[in-house]
Amino acid sequence: MAELGHEVVGLDVDEKKVNLLAQGKAPFIEAGLPELLERNVASGRLKFTTDPSLIADAQIHFIGVGTPQLQGRLGADMTYVDQAVATILEHADAPQDGRPVLIAGKSTVPVGTAEGIAKRLQESGKEIILAWNPEFLREGYAVQDTLTPDRIVYGLPEDQETGRIAREILDECYATALAADTPLVVANYPTAELVKVAANSFLATKISFINAMAELCDATGGDVTRLAEAIGHDDRIGKKFLGAGIGFGGGCLPKDIRAFMARAGELGVDQALTFLREVDTINLRRRDHAVNLAEEAVGGRLVGKKIAVLGITFKPDTDDLRDSPALDIASRLWARGAELAIVDPAAAETLRERRPDLTVPETVEEALDGADVVMILTPWKEYTQLDPKVILPLVDTPNIIDGRNVLDPHEWADAGWNYYGMGRTVSVW
């Protein structure tokens, strides 16, 4: 938003994070963000604070806090959203131009949340309007997705005049994107709230579908990568998100589909989302399959076997370990007695802090040294481009488990490796 010319104040309760951001330093890895931060902090358009009094004169308050899964339950924890609303209510003043203050919700929330917040704002007596404006940022592409979004969604109040004012304020905010003919979808609160969880549920379903096909390919000798290629040529299906492997993870898809199911149950329409239970089950089953492949590769017992795990984040180009399939698989292998050596170009230091019980070498060569199994669990280029002939002498037993189906099975087999894919084999074709 600062890059687009707005005056922006970022408010957070985490002092360490705020101090880093105020220096123009990103507290996490995201392509293009450090340059953006440095430039806009230096310009004075972008400030960060833990002091809520500094948001008093803002025209728009974006709520972008987390909605993690509740402990021991499927639903979303709304604590941080509620706290953010309370902070805005306490500190927001009427802006100088006389127009109402606008809250624009970006957090992924259970449908019905916006209506509850709007009622809370109305009861406060303050002249504050609520809109729901979901974000569609992909980790690794978040800067690009913000500056040049593929769509913008407004969830507006049912009152026509109030909705008109909210839209007018948002149109000014997104003027650059709208001038570039970015598609705009205007809807009511529940539709806007449903957009993000519906999109994530669809993507999760597509991933679990191809992983279910991988299970069938394993049982029949088929190749899921060729299958995905063939069905992906159908433009009704498309090729994206048809990569079979160890399944999805991260801070969005897993918790969002579970919260979606929980909310459907509360609304009495749980049968509408029953299929998401199987989507979740298939996804978790892929992690079991990866562990089983490791056991198969070493003859059945993992105790004392060295396994080199290449990549531990939930996807490449991020340091995010939230619900990482790779970390879950590594933890299961460790629990079964395997000696792990884990490397990752972004999350190694974080992993050492969180899991001092795990071995995290500095180099790939150290991890591979004497390994009985090598597992590529996050497709970082550093690992997918390894030369199988060069690294062969480093390992004790040449077993490679391609957890993301990103390697050439023939190249690795020809170099002397025992190749294990996720729904694929070393076939003539």
Protein backbone atom coordinates (compact mmCIF):
# COMPACT_ATOMS: atom_id res chain seq x y z
CA MET A 1 0.00 0.00 0.00
CA ALA A 2 2.89 2.38 0.69
CA GLU A 3 4.40 1.45 -2.68
CA LEU A 4 1.10 2.50 -4.26
CA GLY A 5 1.44 5.92 -2.65
CA HIS A 6 -0.57 5.60 0.55
CA GLU A 7 0.55 6.66 4.03
CA VAL A 8 0.67 3.44 6.03
CA VAL A 9 1.06 2.57 9.71
CA GLY A 10 1.58 -1.10 10.60
CA LEU A 11 0.41 -1.98 14.11
CA ASP A 12 1.42 -5.17 15.91
CA VAL A 13 1.87 -6.39 19.48
CA ASP A 14 5.17 -8.15 18.71
CA GLU A 15 7.87 -5.63 19.65
CA LYS A 16 10.72 -7.63 18.13
CA LYS A 17 8.92 -7.89 14.80
CA VAL A 18 7.94 -4.22 14.81
CA ASN A 19 11.52 -3.12 15.55
CA LEU A 20 12.83 -5.14 12.61
CA LEU A 21 10.17 -3.78 10.27
CA ALA A 22 10.81 -0.20 11.42
CA GLN A 23 14.42 -0.69 10.30
CA GLY A 24 13.22 -1.85 6.90
CA LYS A 25 14.11 -5.48 7.65
CA ALA A 26 11.70 -8.32 6.90
CA PRO A 27 11.18 -10.77 9.81
CA PHE A 28 10.45 -13.61 7.37
CA ILE A 29 11.50 -14.65 3.89
CA GLU A 30 9.38 -13.33 1.02
CA ALA A 31 10.71 -12.54 -2.44
CA GLY A 32 10.84 -8.80 -3.16
CA LEU A 33 9.70 -7.75 0.32
CA PRO A 34 13.07 -6.54 1.72
CA GLU A 35 13.52 -4.06 -1.15
CA LEU A 36 9.92 -2.87 -0.82
CA LEU A 37 10.28 -2.38 2.94
CA GLU A 38 13.57 -0.57 2.73
CA ARG A 39 12.35 1.80 0.03
CA ASN A 40 9.06 2.74 1.70
CA VAL A 41 10.38 3.01 5.26
CA ALA A 42 13.10 5.33 3.92
CA SER A 43 10.50 7.43 2.10
CA GLY A 44 8.53 7.95 5.33
CA ARG A 45 5.31 6.58 3.83
CA LEU A 46 5.57 3.38 5.86
CA LYS A 47 5.85 3.24 9.66
CA PHE A 48 5.50 0.44 12.21
CA THR A 49 4.47 0.68 15.84
CA THR A 50 3.14 -1.12 18.90
CA ASP A 51 1.37 2.07 19.99
CA PRO A 52 -2.31 1.93 18.95
CA SER A 53 -2.76 5.67 19.47
CA LEU A 54 -0.84 6.19 16.22
CA ILE A 55 -3.69 4.70 14.16
CA ALA A 56 -6.19 7.32 15.38
CA ASP A 57 -6.43 9.39 12.20
CA ALA A 58 -6.47 6.51 9.67
CA GLN A 59 -9.18 6.46 7.00
CA ILE A 60 -8.97 2.68 6.49
CA HIS A 61 -8.07 0.03 9.04
CA PHE A 62 -7.11 -3.29 7.45
CA ILE A 63 -7.40 -6.31 9.75
CA GLY A 64 -4.89 -8.94 8.66
CA VAL A 65 -4.37 -10.98 11.82
CA GLY A 66 -4.18 -14.77 11.99
CA THR A 67 -7.14 -17.10 12.54
CA PRO A 68 -5.36 -20.32 13.55
CA GLN A 69 -7.08 -23.61 14.22
CA LEU A 70 -8.48 -23.94 17.72
CA GLN A 71 -6.58 -26.30 19.98
CA GLY A 72 -8.15 -29.75 19.78
CA ARG A 73 -11.00 -28.54 17.53
CA LEU A 74 -11.63 -27.91 13.83
CA GLY A 75 -12.87 -24.33 14.17
CA ALA A 76 -10.96 -21.06 13.75
CA ASP A 77 -9.62 -19.10 16.73
CA MET A 78 -11.12 -15.61 16.40
CA THR A 79 -9.27 -14.12 19.38
CA TYR A 80 -6.96 -11.93 17.32
CA VAL A 81 -9.72 -10.59 15.08
CA ASP A 82 -11.79 -9.67 18.13
CA GLN A 83 -8.81 -7.93 19.73
CA ALA A 84 -8.10 -5.99 16.54
CA VAL A 85 -11.69 -4.74 16.35
CA ALA A 86 -11.54 -3.70 20.01
CA THR A 87 -8.30 -1.78 19.41
CA ILE A 88 -9.78 0.09 16.43
CA LEU A 89 -12.95 0.93 18.35
CA GLU A 90 -10.91 2.33 21.21
CA HIS A 91 -8.49 4.42 19.19
CA ALA A 92 -10.07 5.36 15.84
CA ASP A 93 -11.15 8.98 15.40
CA ALA A 94 -13.30 10.47 12.67
CA PRO A 95 -11.05 11.47 9.75
CA GLN A 96 -10.57 15.10 8.76
CA ASP A 97 -12.66 14.93 5.58
CA GLY A 98 -15.82 14.07 7.52
CA ARG A 99 -16.31 10.68 5.91
CA PRO A 100 -16.76 7.59 8.11
CA VAL A 101 -13.81 5.43 9.07
CA LEU A 102 -13.67 2.13 7.18
CA ILE A 103 -12.57 -1.23 8.57
CA ALA A 104 -11.61 -3.65 5.79
CA GLY A 105 -11.31 -7.24 6.97
CA LYS A 106 -8.67 -9.33 5.23
CA SER A 107 -8.36 -12.23 7.66
CA THR A 108 -9.86 -15.57 6.65
CA VAL A 109 -12.87 -15.93 8.93
CA PRO A 110 -15.93 -18.18 9.37
CA VAL A 111 -18.89 -16.95 7.34
CA GLY A 112 -21.09 -14.75 9.54
CA THR A 113 -18.16 -13.04 11.27
CA ALA A 114 -18.56 -9.75 9.37
CA GLU A 115 -22.21 -9.43 10.31
CA GLY A 116 -21.28 -9.81 13.98
CA ILE A 117 -18.52 -7.21 13.73
CA ALA A 118 -20.81 -4.77 11.88
CA LYS A 119 -23.38 -5.09 14.67
CA ARG A 120 -20.64 -4.46 17.23
CA LEU A 121 -19.57 -1.30 15.36
CA GLN A 122 -23.13 -0.04 15.15
CA GLU A 123 -23.67 -0.56 18.88
CA SER A 124 -20.48 1.37 19.66
CA GLY A 125 -22.02 4.58 18.35
CA LYS A 126 -18.87 5.39 16.38
CA GLU A 127 -19.15 6.29 12.72
CA ILE A 128 -17.29 3.23 11.42
CA ILE A 129 -18.27 1.17 8.37
CA LEU A 130 -17.19 -2.43 7.78
CA ALA A 131 -16.26 -4.01 4.45
CA TRP A 132 -14.84 -7.49 3.89
CA ASN A 133 -11.92 -7.46 1.47
CA PRO A 134 -10.26 -10.91 1.41
CA GLU A 135 -6.62 -11.33 0.41
CA PHE A 136 -5.36 -13.90 -2.09
CA LEU A 137 -1.64 -13.79 -1.47
CA ARG A 138 0.55 -16.77 -2.28
CA GLU A 139 3.69 -17.19 -0.20
CA GLY A 140 6.66 -16.57 -2.46
CA TYR A 141 4.55 -14.28 -4.68
CA ALA A 142 2.93 -12.02 -2.09
CA VAL A 143 4.48 -8.77 -3.35
CA GLN A 144 3.42 -9.48 -6.92
CA ASP A 145 -0.06 -10.54 -5.80
CA THR A 146 -0.49 -7.30 -3.85
CA LEU A 147 0.78 -4.86 -6.47
CA THR A 148 -0.85 -6.64 -9.43
CA PRO A 149 -3.72 -8.75 -8.01
CA ASP A 150 -5.67 -11.14 -10.22
CA ARG A 151 -8.93 -9.92 -8.67
CA ILE A 152 -10.29 -7.69 -5.92
CA VAL A 153 -13.35 -8.57 -3.83
CA TYR A 154 -15.49 -6.14 -1.84
CA GLY A 155 -18.00 -7.44 0.68
CA LEU A 156 -20.24 -4.45 1.38
CA PRO A 157 -23.08 -3.62 3.82
CA GLU A 158 -26.63 -4.29 2.65
CA ASP A 159 -27.59 -0.66 3.27
CA GLN A 160 -27.14 0.88 -0.16
CA GLU A 161 -25.85 4.28 0.94
CA THR A 162 -23.44 2.84 3.50
CA GLY A 163 -22.23 0.37 0.91
CA ARG A 164 -21.72 3.15 -1.62
CA ILE A 165 -19.50 5.06 0.80
CA ALA A 166 -17.48 1.94 1.62
CA ARG A 167 -16.99 1.18 -2.07
CA GLU A 168 -15.94 4.76 -2.76
CA ILE A 169 -13.22 4.57 -0.09
CA LEU A 170 -11.97 1.19 -1.31
CA ASP A 171 -11.99 2.36 -4.93
CA GLU A 172 -9.67 5.21 -3.96
CA CYS A 173 -7.41 2.79 -2.11
CA TYR A 174 -7.20 0.37 -5.05
CA ALA A 175 -7.22 3.04 -7.78
CA THR A 176 -3.98 1.84 -9.37
CA ALA A 177 -5.12 -1.77 -9.66
CA LEU A 178 -8.59 -0.79 -10.85
CA ALA A 179 -7.09 1.52 -13.49
CA ALA A 180 -5.19 -1.54 -14.77
CA ASP A 181 -8.55 -3.31 -15.32
CA THR A 182 -8.14 -5.72 -12.43
CA PRO A 183 -11.40 -7.68 -12.14
CA LEU A 184 -13.58 -6.39 -9.29
CA VAL A 185 -16.26 -8.51 -7.65
CA VAL A 186 -18.73 -6.64 -5.44
CA ALA A 187 -20.85 -8.77 -3.11
CA ASN A 188 -22.40 -8.90 0.35
CA TYR A 189 -20.58 -9.90 3.53
CA PRO A 190 -21.18 -13.68 3.50
CA THR A 191 -20.17 -14.03 -0.15
CA ALA A 192 -16.91 -12.16 0.41
CA GLU A 193 -16.17 -14.24 3.51
CA LEU A 194 -16.79 -17.45 1.57
CA VAL A 195 -14.54 -16.56 -1.36
CA LYS A 196 -11.21 -17.32 0.33
CA VAL A 197 -12.26 -20.54 2.06
CA ALA A 198 -14.07 -21.72 -1.06
CA ALA A 199 -10.97 -21.09 -3.18
CA ASN A 200 -8.69 -22.84 -0.70
CA SER A 201 -11.10 -25.77 -0.41
CA PHE A 202 -11.19 -26.15 -4.18
CA LEU A 203 -7.39 -26.10 -4.44
CA ALA A 204 -7.07 -28.59 -1.57
CA THR A 205 -9.60 -30.86 -3.29
CA LYS A 206 -7.66 -30.73 -6.54
CA ILE A 207 -4.41 -31.63 -4.78
CA SER A 208 -6.00 -34.49 -2.86
CA PHE A 209 -7.67 -35.75 -6.04
CA ILE A 210 -4.35 -36.18 -7.84
CA ASN A 211 -2.86 -37.73 -4.71
CA ALA A 212 -5.73 -40.24 -4.68
CA MET A 213 -4.83 -40.99 -8.31
CA ALA A 214 -1.23 -41.48 -7.17
CA GLU A 215 -2.45 -44.19 -4.79
CA LEU A 216 -4.14 -45.94 -7.71
CA CYS A 217 -1.01 -45.58 -9.82
CA ASP A 218 1.06 -47.16 -7.04
CA ALA A 219 -1.36 -50.09 -7.00
CA THR A 220 -1.40 -50.56 -10.78
CA GLY A 221 2.02 -49.46 -12.02
CA GLY A 222 0.73 -46.24 -13.57
CA ASP A 223 2.56 -42.92 -13.65
CA VAL A 224 0.63 -40.11 -11.97
CA THR A 225 2.76 -37.40 -13.60
CA ARG A 226 1.76 -38.62 -17.08
CA LEU A 227 -1.84 -38.98 -15.90
CA ALA A 228 -1.84 -35.39 -14.60
CA GLU A 229 -0.31 -34.16 -17.84
CA ALA A 230 -3.00 -35.89 -19.89
CA ILE A 231 -6.01 -34.68 -17.90
CA GLY A 232 -4.46 -31.23 -17.46
CA HIS A 233 -4.72 -30.59 -21.19
CA ASP A 234 -8.48 -30.43 -20.69
CA ASP A 235 -9.05 -26.71 -20.15
CA ARG A 236 -11.98 -27.52 -17.86
CA ILE A 237 -9.45 -29.12 -15.49
CA GLY A 238 -6.16 -27.34 -16.14
CA LYS A 239 -2.63 -28.33 -15.11
CA LYS A 240 -2.20 -26.22 -11.98
CA PHE A 241 -2.31 -27.98 -8.60
CA LEU A 242 -2.09 -31.42 -10.20
CA GLY A 243 1.32 -32.22 -8.73
CA ALA A 244 1.09 -35.41 -6.68
CA GLY A 245 3.42 -35.76 -3.72
CA ILE A 246 3.40 -35.57 0.06
CA GLY A 247 0.38 -33.26 0.12
CA PHE A 248 -0.38 -29.69 1.05
CA GLY A 249 0.46 -27.83 4.24
CA GLY A 250 1.19 -24.29 5.40
CA GLY A 251 -0.79 -21.80 7.41
CA CYS A 252 -3.87 -21.64 5.16
CA LEU A 253 -5.20 -24.71 3.35
CA PRO A 254 -5.23 -27.27 6.22
CA LYS A 255 -6.74 -25.01 8.88
CA ASP A 256 -9.09 -23.28 6.44
CA ILE A 257 -10.79 -26.46 5.21
CA ARG A 258 -11.18 -27.68 8.80
CA ALA A 259 -12.67 -24.37 9.94
CA PHE A 260 -14.96 -24.46 6.88
CA MET A 261 -16.25 -27.89 7.93
CA ALA A 262 -16.73 -26.72 11.50
CA ARG A 263 -18.71 -23.67 10.41
CA ALA A 264 -20.89 -25.74 8.08
CA GLY A 265 -21.73 -27.94 11.06
CA GLU A 266 -22.70 -24.91 13.14
CA LEU A 267 -24.97 -23.75 10.32
CA GLY A 268 -26.62 -27.17 10.03
CA VAL A 269 -25.30 -27.84 6.52
CA ASP A 270 -22.36 -30.07 7.41
CA GLN A 271 -23.33 -32.57 4.69
CA ALA A 272 -22.44 -29.96 2.06
CA LEU A 273 -18.78 -30.21 3.05
CA THR A 274 -18.50 -33.88 4.01
CA PHE A 275 -16.19 -34.42 1.04
CA LEU A 276 -13.60 -32.13 2.67
CA ARG A 277 -13.08 -34.74 5.40
CA GLU A 278 -11.84 -37.14 2.74
CA VAL A 279 -9.74 -34.37 1.17
CA ASP A 280 -8.05 -33.88 4.57
CA THR A 281 -7.69 -37.63 5.12
CA ILE A 282 -6.07 -38.23 1.72
CA ASN A 283 -3.69 -35.37 2.39
CA LEU A 284 -2.55 -36.77 5.74
CA ARG A 285 -2.30 -40.26 4.25
CA ARG A 286 0.42 -39.05 1.88
CA ARG A 287 2.64 -38.37 4.86
CA ASP A 288 2.13 -41.94 6.03
CA HIS A 289 3.03 -43.14 2.55
CA ALA A 290 6.34 -41.24 2.56
CA VAL A 291 7.29 -42.84 5.88
CA ASN A 292 6.31 -46.27 4.53
CA LEU A 293 8.49 -45.74 1.46
CA ALA A 294 11.46 -44.96 3.71
CA GLU A 295 10.82 -48.17 5.65
CA GLU A 296 10.55 -50.13 2.42
CA ALA A 297 13.83 -48.67 1.14
CA VAL A 298 15.76 -49.84 4.23
CA GLY A 299 14.11 -53.24 4.46
CA GLY A 300 11.50 -52.51 7.11
CA ARG A 301 13.30 -51.09 10.16
CA LEU A 302 14.24 -47.44 10.45
CA VAL A 303 16.07 -47.75 13.78
CA GLY A 304 19.65 -46.58 13.37
CA LYS A 305 19.25 -45.79 9.68
CA LYS A 306 20.48 -42.40 8.51
CA ILE A 307 17.98 -40.45 6.46
CA ALA A 308 18.93 -37.22 4.72
CA VAL A 309 15.91 -34.92 4.49
CA LEU A 310 16.32 -32.21 1.86
CA GLY A 311 13.88 -29.37 2.49
CA ILE A 312 11.70 -28.88 5.56
CA THR A 313 9.48 -25.85 4.82
CA PHE A 314 5.96 -26.49 3.55
CA LYS A 315 6.92 -25.07 0.12
CA PRO A 316 10.05 -23.55 -1.46
CA ASP A 317 10.88 -19.83 -1.38
CA THR A 318 9.61 -19.38 2.18
CA ASP A 319 10.84 -20.10 5.70
CA ASP A 320 7.33 -21.09 6.84
CA LEU A 321 7.16 -24.31 8.87
CA ARG A 322 3.47 -24.12 9.75
CA ASP A 323 1.86 -27.53 9.21
CA SER A 324 4.77 -28.50 6.96
CA PRO A 325 4.31 -32.03 5.54
CA ALA A 326 8.10 -32.31 5.36
CA LEU A 327 8.53 -31.51 9.06
CA ASP A 328 5.72 -33.89 10.00
CA ILE A 329 7.31 -36.72 8.00
CA ALA A 330 10.73 -36.00 9.52
CA SER A 331 9.21 -36.08 13.02
CA ARG A 332 7.58 -39.44 12.32
CA LEU A 333 10.85 -40.89 11.00
CA TRP A 334 12.67 -39.63 14.09
CA ALA A 335 10.01 -41.16 16.35
CA ARG A 336 10.63 -44.53 14.67
CA GLY A 337 14.32 -44.43 15.48
CA ALA A 338 15.82 -43.02 12.30
CA GLU A 339 18.89 -40.80 12.50
CA LEU A 340 17.94 -37.66 10.63
CA ALA A 341 20.10 -35.08 8.90
CA ILE A 342 17.88 -32.19 7.75
CA VAL A 343 18.91 -29.32 5.51
CA ASP A 344 16.92 -26.33 4.29
CA PRO A 345 18.16 -23.07 2.72
CA ALA A 346 15.65 -20.90 4.60
CA ALA A 347 14.48 -22.57 7.80
CA ALA A 348 17.57 -24.34 9.14
CA GLU A 349 18.22 -21.88 11.96
CA THR A 350 14.56 -21.77 12.98
CA LEU A 351 14.45 -25.56 13.03
CA ARG A 352 17.54 -25.73 15.25
CA GLU A 353 15.82 -23.40 17.73
CA ARG A 354 12.46 -25.20 17.70
CA ARG A 355 13.71 -28.76 17.51
CA PRO A 356 17.13 -29.05 19.18
CA ASP A 357 16.56 -32.83 19.20
CA LEU A 358 16.96 -32.92 15.40
CA THR A 359 20.28 -32.80 13.55
CA VAL A 360 20.49 -29.90 11.10
CA PRO A 361 23.86 -29.86 9.26
CA GLU A 362 25.22 -26.79 7.51
CA THR A 363 25.64 -28.40 4.09
CA VAL A 364 23.92 -30.89 1.80
CA GLU A 365 27.15 -32.89 1.66
CA GLU A 366 27.11 -33.35 5.44
CA ALA A 367 23.51 -34.50 5.31
CA LEU A 368 24.19 -36.99 2.52
CA ASP A 369 27.35 -38.41 4.08
CA GLY A 370 26.67 -42.08 4.95
CA ALA A 371 22.91 -41.80 4.31
CA ASP A 372 20.79 -44.91 3.82
CA VAL A 373 17.94 -42.92 2.29
CA VAL A 374 17.73 -39.47 0.72
CA MET A 375 14.30 -37.79 0.75
CA ILE A 376 13.47 -34.64 -1.23
CA LEU A 377 10.48 -33.26 0.67
CA THR A 378 10.53 -29.58 -0.36
CA PRO A 379 11.40 -28.85 -4.00
CA TRP A 380 14.04 -26.17 -3.53
CA LYS A 381 16.13 -25.74 -6.71
CA GLU A 382 19.25 -26.51 -4.69
CA TYR A 383 17.97 -30.06 -4.26
CA THR A 384 16.00 -30.74 -7.44
CA GLN A 385 19.08 -29.86 -9.51
CA LEU A 386 21.52 -32.13 -7.68
CA ASP A 387 23.59 -34.34 -9.98
CA PRO A 388 22.81 -37.96 -9.05
CA LYS A 389 26.22 -39.16 -10.30
CA VAL A 390 28.14 -36.59 -8.29
CA ILE A 391 26.42 -37.28 -4.98
CA LEU A 392 26.26 -41.08 -5.35
CA PRO A 393 29.65 -41.70 -3.62
CA LEU A 394 28.51 -39.72 -0.55
CA VAL A 395 25.74 -42.10 0.53
CA ASP A 396 25.92 -45.59 1.97
CA THR A 397 22.90 -46.88 0.09
CA PRO A 398 21.59 -45.10 -3.03
CA ASN A 399 17.88 -44.83 -2.14
CA ILE A 400 16.15 -41.65 -3.32
CA ILE A 401 12.56 -40.82 -2.34
CA ASP A 402 11.16 -38.12 -4.59
CA GLY A 403 8.47 -36.72 -2.31
CA ARG A 404 7.40 -34.07 -4.82
CA ASN A 405 7.83 -35.97 -8.12
CA VAL A 406 10.30 -33.36 -9.34
CA LEU A 407 13.19 -35.60 -10.38
CA ASP A 408 13.79 -37.54 -13.61
CA PRO A 409 13.38 -41.20 -12.58
CA HIS A 410 15.46 -42.46 -15.52
CA GLU A 411 18.34 -40.10 -14.81
CA TRP A 412 18.53 -41.21 -11.19
CA ALA A 413 18.05 -44.91 -11.98
CA ASP A 414 20.70 -44.78 -14.71
CA ALA A 415 23.10 -43.17 -12.22
CA GLY A 416 22.69 -46.17 -9.91
CA TRP A 417 19.95 -45.03 -7.53
CA ASN A 418 16.89 -46.91 -6.32
CA TYR A 419 14.16 -44.43 -7.23
CA TYR A 420 10.91 -44.16 -5.23
CA GLY A 421 8.30 -41.71 -6.48
CA MET A 422 4.83 -40.79 -5.28
CA GLY A 423 2.63 -42.69 -7.72
CA ARG A 424 5.32 -43.17 -10.37
CA THR A 425 7.95 -45.76 -11.26
CA VAL A 426 10.93 -46.03 -13.57
CA SER A 427 8.97 -47.00 -16.68
CA VAL A 428 10.18 -47.32 -20.28
CA TRP A 429 7.66 -44.62 -21.07
